Structures are given as C-alpha cells and as structure tokens.
Amino acid sequence: MKTIVRVSAMLAMVLGALSLSAAGQTGAPAPAADRFDVAVNFTYKVTKIASTTNRFVLPGGSLDAAWNVSSKASGEATGMSLVVDLNGESKSNVEPGVSLTQFSVMGGARYTFHIAAQSPYAVDLYGQFLGGGVFASNSLFPGPSGATSSANSGAIQVGGGANIRLTPRIALRLIEADFISTDLPNSTNNRQYDVRFSNGVVFRF
C-alpha cells in the first residue's frame, strides 16, 4: 500500500509541474480538450456496517486534478487524461460510540467525450479507472492481536460523470458516480464495496 501511495504522490507532483509549465506559456488559449482541470467536490459514499445489512452515508469532500495528454489538435472531440484524486470523509456515531474517518489517494486515467465542444455550454462526459490507497481511523478494525483504531489498504475506483461548462474557465460537475473497492479489516471478509456520488465545481486552465 505504501508503494501505491508513493506512486500516486509522484503522479500528483508531475501533474503539478505540467500545470505550472502550461500557466507560463503565452499566446492563444489551448483548446478545451487540452486544458488542465481542477475540481472541488462534495462527496457522499454509501457504505455499510460489517456483518450487517445496515447502510449509511459517509459525507466528505474531494479534490481531483486532470491533465489531458491527448493530441493537441483543435476541435478534438475526445481526450485521455491522467488523474489524481484526493478524498476525505468522516461520520460520527456510525454505531453507538463508533465513528469512521477515511482519507484516500488515487491516481489513474480518465477518458472524456466532449459533446458540442465549441458550444459555450458544452457537456463533458467521462469515465475513469483509478487505483491507490485508503487510510481509515477513528473506528474499530479487528486484527490478529485485537482491535485497532486505524487501518489502511489498497483501493480501486471505477466510475464516471458529467460536467457542464458555465464559462470557458468554469464548469459545474453535475454528477460523478464511482464504485470503490477496499480491503480494510472487518469481522467478515476484509472487503468493502461502496458507491460514492460527487458534485462540485471544475476550474479549467
């Protein structure tokens, strides 16, 4: 898991360097398909208590950055991006006296299809596949030597969403839905399958 987090962190630094390089360039703005995007989101993860069918919503927020690495041809209708996603969630009293806080670092690829790319209110539809790690704390995680208050595991995130452009630089994230698999210790199979919904604002550079 430490290796995955280190790779994700390195990817984040690469994306940051690319964004600074792009910001320093002069001349006409790059076409929409080539921009560096940063999204700030509210998130709502639907998960459940181990060994039960009781589901609850884990609220939080995320910051994701995407750098389009596709061809720079003007008017391109599709684009492949490298993505880094940072997400934090927390909820008190999931069960009496038991809370849960999670923080995840993900990196991967996103494929975007731009509908009516030249329109001021174009819609961007995208799908993505990310991998990384999750750190959970402020809860109870069973282990060989007894329960602990924190744990970590690898994580996989698969999903997609839709953005609508409000201006050339700002878009509204109408919805993002992701399936997330983690391997945190629990009292059953040490496996979690959750669904996370997000909406927010996208800034385009």
Protein backbone atom coordinates (compact mmCIF):
# COMPACT_ATOMS: atom_id res chain seq x y z
CA MET A 1 0.00 0.00 0.00
CA LYS A 2 2.92 2.36 0.80
CA THR A 3 4.25 1.82 -2.73
CA ILE A 4 0.87 2.71 -4.23
CA VAL A 5 0.64 5.91 -2.18
CA ARG A 6 4.19 6.90 -3.20
CA VAL A 7 3.34 6.35 -6.89
CA SER A 8 0.17 8.42 -6.51
CA ALA A 9 2.12 11.22 -4.82
CA MET A 10 4.71 11.21 -7.61
CA LEU A 11 1.92 11.41 -10.18
CA ALA A 12 0.45 14.40 -8.34
CA MET A 13 3.83 16.20 -8.44
CA VAL A 14 4.19 15.50 -12.18
CA LEU A 15 0.73 16.93 -12.85
CA GLY A 16 1.53 19.98 -10.77
CA ALA A 17 4.74 20.59 -12.73
CA LEU A 18 2.88 20.28 -16.01
CA SER A 19 0.24 22.76 -14.86
CA LEU A 20 2.91 25.34 -13.90
CA SER A 21 4.55 24.90 -17.29
CA ALA A 22 1.26 25.45 -19.06
CA ALA A 23 0.48 28.54 -16.98
CA GLY A 24 3.78 30.10 -18.04
CA GLN A 25 3.07 29.84 -21.76
CA THR A 26 1.82 32.83 -23.75
CA GLY A 27 -0.34 33.14 -26.84
CA ALA A 28 -3.86 31.95 -27.64
CA PRO A 29 -5.64 29.72 -25.09
CA ALA A 30 -5.32 25.98 -25.62
CA PRO A 31 -8.40 24.19 -27.00
CA ALA A 32 -10.81 22.87 -24.38
CA ALA A 33 -9.68 19.27 -24.87
CA ASP A 34 -6.09 20.19 -23.78
CA ARG A 35 -6.77 22.01 -20.52
CA PHE A 36 -5.65 21.19 -17.02
CA ASP A 37 -8.75 20.78 -14.82
CA VAL A 38 -9.06 21.01 -11.04
CA ALA A 39 -12.37 20.01 -9.40
CA VAL A 40 -13.55 20.70 -5.84
CA ASN A 41 -16.37 18.34 -4.86
CA PHE A 42 -18.79 17.39 -2.14
CA THR A 43 -18.88 13.57 -1.84
CA TYR A 44 -21.38 11.08 -0.43
CA LYS A 45 -20.21 7.49 -0.02
CA VAL A 46 -22.86 4.80 0.50
CA THR A 47 -21.35 2.02 2.61
CA LYS A 48 -22.47 -0.47 5.26
CA ILE A 49 -21.57 -1.77 8.68
CA ALA A 50 -19.71 -5.10 8.52
CA SER A 51 -21.70 -8.25 9.33
CA THR A 52 -24.99 -6.35 8.85
CA THR A 53 -27.18 -5.01 6.08
CA ASN A 54 -27.26 -1.56 7.70
CA ARG A 55 -26.15 1.06 5.21
CA PHE A 56 -25.18 4.64 5.94
CA VAL A 57 -23.88 7.70 4.08
CA LEU A 58 -20.32 8.83 4.74
CA PRO A 59 -20.10 12.54 3.75
CA GLY A 60 -16.89 14.26 2.71
CA GLY A 61 -15.08 16.21 0.03
CA SER A 62 -12.54 15.65 -2.70
CA LEU A 63 -10.03 17.47 -4.87
CA ASP A 64 -9.14 15.98 -8.24
CA ALA A 65 -6.80 17.20 -10.95
CA ALA A 66 -6.75 16.00 -14.57
CA TRP A 67 -4.17 16.72 -17.27
CA ASN A 68 -5.26 15.91 -20.83
CA VAL A 69 -2.48 14.03 -22.63
CA SER A 70 -4.30 13.55 -25.95
CA SER A 71 -3.43 15.13 -29.28
CA LYS A 72 -3.45 18.94 -29.23
CA ALA A 73 -5.49 19.16 -32.43
CA SER A 74 -8.03 21.99 -32.20
CA GLY A 75 -11.62 20.85 -32.01
CA GLU A 76 -10.75 17.36 -30.82
CA ALA A 77 -13.90 15.63 -29.54
CA THR A 78 -12.29 13.20 -27.13
CA GLY A 79 -9.44 13.18 -24.66
CA MET A 80 -7.38 10.90 -22.40
CA SER A 81 -6.24 12.40 -19.10
CA LEU A 82 -4.02 11.49 -16.17
CA VAL A 83 -5.94 11.99 -12.92
CA VAL A 84 -5.09 12.38 -9.24
CA ASP A 85 -7.94 12.24 -6.72
CA LEU A 86 -7.69 13.14 -3.01
CA ASN A 87 -10.75 12.36 -0.89
CA GLY A 88 -11.62 12.70 2.79
CA GLU A 89 -14.76 11.51 4.61
CA SER A 90 -15.93 11.37 8.21
CA LYS A 91 -19.01 10.43 10.22
CA SER A 92 -19.65 10.30 13.97
CA ASN A 93 -21.63 7.57 15.76
CA VAL A 94 -21.92 5.12 12.88
CA GLU A 95 -22.77 2.78 15.74
CA PRO A 96 -23.04 3.83 19.40
CA GLY A 97 -19.58 5.05 20.36
CA VAL A 98 -18.05 4.13 16.96
CA SER A 99 -17.16 6.70 14.30
CA LEU A 100 -15.29 6.48 10.98
CA THR A 101 -12.84 8.75 9.14
CA GLN A 102 -11.28 7.86 5.79
CA PHE A 103 -8.70 9.52 3.54
CA SER A 104 -7.83 8.15 0.10
CA VAL A 105 -5.20 8.92 -2.54
CA MET A 106 -5.93 7.68 -6.06
CA GLY A 107 -4.26 8.01 -9.44
CA GLY A 108 -5.18 6.72 -12.88
CA ALA A 109 -6.70 7.53 -16.25
CA ARG A 110 -9.84 9.33 -17.43
CA TYR A 111 -11.38 9.32 -20.91
CA THR A 112 -13.58 12.32 -21.77
CA PHE A 113 -16.04 12.80 -24.62
CA HIS A 114 -16.88 16.45 -25.33
CA ILE A 115 -20.44 16.97 -26.61
CA ALA A 116 -20.76 20.12 -28.78
CA ALA A 117 -17.19 21.08 -27.90
CA GLN A 118 -17.48 24.56 -29.47
CA SER A 119 -20.65 25.47 -27.55
CA PRO A 120 -20.32 27.82 -24.52
CA TYR A 121 -22.38 25.28 -22.53
CA ALA A 122 -20.84 22.06 -23.79
CA VAL A 123 -21.25 18.87 -21.75
CA ASP A 124 -18.22 16.70 -20.95
CA LEU A 125 -18.94 13.02 -20.26
CA TYR A 126 -16.12 10.93 -18.79
CA GLY A 127 -15.23 7.51 -17.49
CA GLN A 128 -12.23 6.70 -15.29
CA PHE A 129 -10.22 3.96 -13.63
CA LEU A 130 -8.08 4.81 -10.60
CA GLY A 131 -6.03 2.89 -8.08
CA GLY A 132 -4.33 3.86 -4.84
CA GLY A 133 -4.76 3.52 -1.11
CA VAL A 134 -7.11 4.39 1.72
CA PHE A 135 -6.31 5.21 5.37
CA ALA A 136 -9.12 4.77 7.91
CA SER A 137 -9.10 5.91 11.53
CA ASN A 138 -11.27 6.87 14.49
CA SER A 139 -13.02 3.48 14.38
CA LEU A 140 -12.56 -0.22 15.24
CA PHE A 141 -10.70 -2.66 12.98
CA PRO A 142 -10.25 -6.28 14.16
CA GLY A 143 -6.82 -7.85 13.85
CA PRO A 144 -4.83 -10.92 14.98
CA SER A 145 -3.75 -9.19 18.18
CA GLY A 146 -7.02 -7.39 18.84
CA ALA A 147 -8.92 -4.40 17.51
CA THR A 148 -7.11 -1.22 16.47
CA SER A 149 -8.43 2.30 15.85
CA SER A 150 -6.82 2.69 12.41
CA ALA A 151 -6.02 0.64 9.31
CA ASN A 152 -5.06 1.04 5.67
CA SER A 153 -5.43 -0.90 2.43
CA GLY A 154 -5.23 -0.66 -1.33
CA ALA A 155 -8.22 0.71 -3.21
CA ILE A 156 -9.72 0.63 -6.71
CA GLN A 157 -12.15 3.23 -8.07
CA VAL A 158 -14.13 2.85 -11.30
CA GLY A 159 -16.80 5.26 -12.50
CA GLY A 160 -17.63 8.37 -14.47
CA GLY A 161 -19.58 11.57 -14.56
CA ALA A 162 -20.78 14.66 -16.42
CA ASN A 163 -19.66 18.31 -16.35
CA ILE A 164 -21.46 21.25 -17.98
CA ARG A 165 -19.42 24.32 -18.87
CA LEU A 166 -20.68 27.61 -17.44
CA THR A 167 -17.81 29.73 -18.81
CA PRO A 168 -14.62 28.89 -20.73
CA ARG A 169 -12.86 28.52 -17.34
CA ILE A 170 -15.55 27.15 -15.01
CA ALA A 171 -17.79 24.08 -15.23
CA LEU A 172 -20.37 22.52 -12.95
CA ARG A 173 -19.91 18.85 -12.05
CA LEU A 174 -23.49 17.67 -12.34
CA ILE A 175 -22.75 14.17 -11.05
CA GLU A 176 -19.96 11.66 -10.63
CA ALA A 177 -20.66 8.10 -9.56
CA ASP A 178 -17.85 5.69 -8.61
CA PHE A 179 -17.66 2.09 -7.46
CA ILE A 180 -14.92 1.73 -4.83
CA SER A 181 -13.36 -1.50 -3.56
CA THR A 182 -11.16 -1.59 -0.44
CA ASP A 183 -9.66 -4.28 1.82
CA LEU A 184 -9.89 -2.80 5.30
CA PRO A 185 -10.07 -5.30 8.19
CA ASN A 186 -13.58 -6.17 9.34
CA SER A 187 -15.28 -9.05 11.09
CA THR A 188 -16.25 -10.87 7.88
CA ASN A 189 -14.21 -10.99 4.64
CA ASN A 190 -11.99 -7.88 4.95
CA ARG A 191 -13.58 -6.44 1.83
CA GLN A 192 -15.73 -3.38 1.19
CA TYR A 193 -17.75 -2.49 -1.92
CA ASP A 194 -19.00 1.09 -1.77
CA VAL A 195 -20.60 3.60 -4.12
CA ARG A 196 -19.61 7.27 -3.97
CA PHE A 197 -21.50 10.19 -5.52
CA SER A 198 -19.91 13.60 -6.08
CA ASN A 199 -20.84 17.05 -7.34
CA GLY A 200 -18.93 20.31 -7.35
CA VAL A 201 -17.13 22.94 -9.41
CA VAL A 202 -14.45 22.40 -12.07
CA PHE A 203 -11.81 25.06 -12.81
CA ARG A 204 -10.18 24.89 -16.24
CA PHE A 205 -6.69 26.20 -17.01
